[in-house]
Amino acid sequence: MPFNRPIPESKRPAKLTNGFTALVEAEKLLQIAFVLPSAVVIGWLAGAGVGYLLHQKWIEIAGVVFGSVSGVFYVVQTAIAAEKASRSGYTSRNGSGKGSTKNP
């Protein structure tokens, strides 16, 4: 009779043990909310300054667009990193029944 190894139990993510850890997680989420408006304002001010020096009005609009795009890029990047961090406590399975020790 063949021997079948049991499937190992997956590790559960650690629960928040104290209030400080909860504050750190909340700060990461608040960072996402403040980055996009800040990037737009910084792009607008930089575009307005360069536009004033070069006597071109369209550079101000280009600064707003550049700030918007860079802010959205950073927000998406931060959200993906936060999602990966929240899943890091789980082990993935590779379909062979052995389980993988690599994080997704």
Foldseek 3Di string as FASTA:
>chain_A
DDDDDAQDDKFDDDDDDDDVVVVVVVVLVVCLVPQQVVLLVVLLVVQVVVCVVVVHPVSSVVSNVVSNVVSVVVSVVSVVVVVQVVQQRTWDADPPSHTDPDRD
